[in-house]
Amino acid sequence: MTYEQEFLQEFEEWINSQVLVNEGALKASQKVWQEDKDKSAKEAAIRYESRLDAYKFLQGKFANYHQQKSFHDLPDGLLGKRNY
């Protein structure tokens, strides 16, 4: 395995671990916000959600890489999909 391949593999693994960590932290901070109305928990949830969006964006780029698509290709099914 070349240095570049190893780097990309490790980076993708790190991104996937960050998604898991931030999903857990987001759920925990949302729970604290709902139960205690703690303003700092609400602000933390916003930060975790923002990070999660960025990490999921990078996961989409790795999906393109594995499917041998261009970096700038949109993920399949993105158009017409709505997230609320």
Protein backbone atom coordinates (compact mmCIF):
# COMPACT_ATOMS: atom_id res chain seq x y z
CA MET A 1 0.00 0.00 0.00
CA THR A 2 1.37 3.40 -0.92
CA TYR A 3 1.74 6.22 1.54
CA GLU A 4 -1.20 8.06 -0.06
CA GLN A 5 -3.48 5.02 0.13
CA GLU A 6 -2.56 4.42 3.76
CA PHE A 7 -3.12 8.08 4.59
CA LEU A 8 -6.56 8.11 2.92
CA GLN A 9 -7.56 4.90 4.69
CA GLU A 10 -6.53 6.23 8.09
CA PHE A 11 -8.21 9.57 7.41
CA GLU A 12 -11.46 7.85 6.43
CA GLU A 13 -11.35 5.72 9.58
CA TRP A 14 -10.81 8.86 11.66
CA ILE A 15 -13.74 10.61 9.96
CA ASN A 16 -15.98 7.61 10.66
CA SER A 17 -14.96 7.59 14.34
CA GLN A 18 -15.64 11.32 14.59
CA VAL A 19 -19.14 10.79 13.21
CA LEU A 20 -19.84 8.22 15.93
CA VAL A 21 -18.40 10.41 18.67
CA ASN A 22 -20.29 13.51 17.58
CA GLU A 23 -23.58 11.61 17.13
CA GLY A 24 -23.31 10.40 20.72
CA ALA A 25 -22.33 13.81 22.04
CA LEU A 26 -25.17 15.46 20.10
CA LYS A 27 -27.75 13.07 21.56
CA ALA A 28 -26.38 13.54 25.08
CA SER A 29 -26.35 17.34 24.88
CA GLN A 30 -29.86 17.39 23.38
CA LYS A 31 -31.07 15.21 26.23
CA VAL A 32 -29.53 17.54 28.82
CA TRP A 33 -31.07 20.53 27.05
CA GLN A 34 -34.54 18.95 27.00
CA GLU A 35 -34.41 17.76 30.60
CA ASP A 36 -32.60 20.64 32.31
CA LYS A 37 -33.06 23.53 29.85
CA ASP A 38 -29.32 24.13 30.20
CA LYS A 39 -28.35 26.84 27.72
CA SER A 40 -24.76 25.60 27.45
CA ALA A 41 -26.06 22.15 26.47
CA LYS A 42 -28.09 23.74 23.69
CA GLU A 43 -25.02 25.60 22.41
CA ALA A 44 -22.97 22.39 22.60
CA ALA A 45 -25.64 20.55 20.58
CA ILE A 46 -25.40 23.20 17.87
CA ARG A 47 -21.60 22.79 17.73
CA TYR A 48 -21.84 18.99 17.60
CA GLU A 49 -24.46 19.17 14.87
CA SER A 50 -22.26 21.51 12.81
CA ARG A 51 -19.27 19.20 13.16
CA LEU A 52 -21.43 16.21 12.29
CA ASP A 53 -22.58 17.92 9.09
CA ALA A 54 -18.95 18.56 8.10
CA TYR A 55 -17.87 14.99 8.85
CA LYS A 56 -20.82 13.57 6.92
CA PHE A 57 -19.89 15.79 3.99
CA LEU A 58 -16.41 14.26 4.04
CA GLN A 59 -17.92 10.77 4.25
CA GLY A 60 -19.78 11.59 1.04
CA LYS A 61 -16.50 12.54 -0.61
CA PHE A 62 -15.00 9.22 0.44
CA ALA A 63 -18.06 7.46 -0.99
CA ASN A 64 -17.36 9.23 -4.30
CA TYR A 65 -13.74 8.10 -4.09
CA HIS A 66 -14.73 4.46 -3.53
CA GLN A 67 -17.22 4.62 -6.42
CA GLN A 68 -14.53 6.19 -8.62
CA LYS A 69 -16.55 9.35 -9.09
CA SER A 70 -15.26 12.89 -9.30
CA PHE A 71 -14.66 14.77 -6.06
CA HIS A 72 -17.31 17.28 -7.08
CA ASP A 73 -20.03 14.75 -7.97
CA LEU A 74 -23.08 14.92 -5.76
CA PRO A 75 -24.01 11.83 -3.76
CA ASP A 76 -26.66 9.62 -5.36
CA GLY A 77 -30.18 10.71 -4.51
CA LEU A 78 -29.15 14.05 -3.04
CA LEU A 79 -31.31 16.13 -5.36
CA GLY A 80 -34.92 15.90 -4.35
CA LYS A 81 -33.97 14.74 -0.85
CA ARG A 82 -35.01 16.92 2.04
CA ASN A 83 -33.70 16.86 5.58
CA TYR A 84 -35.57 18.70 8.30
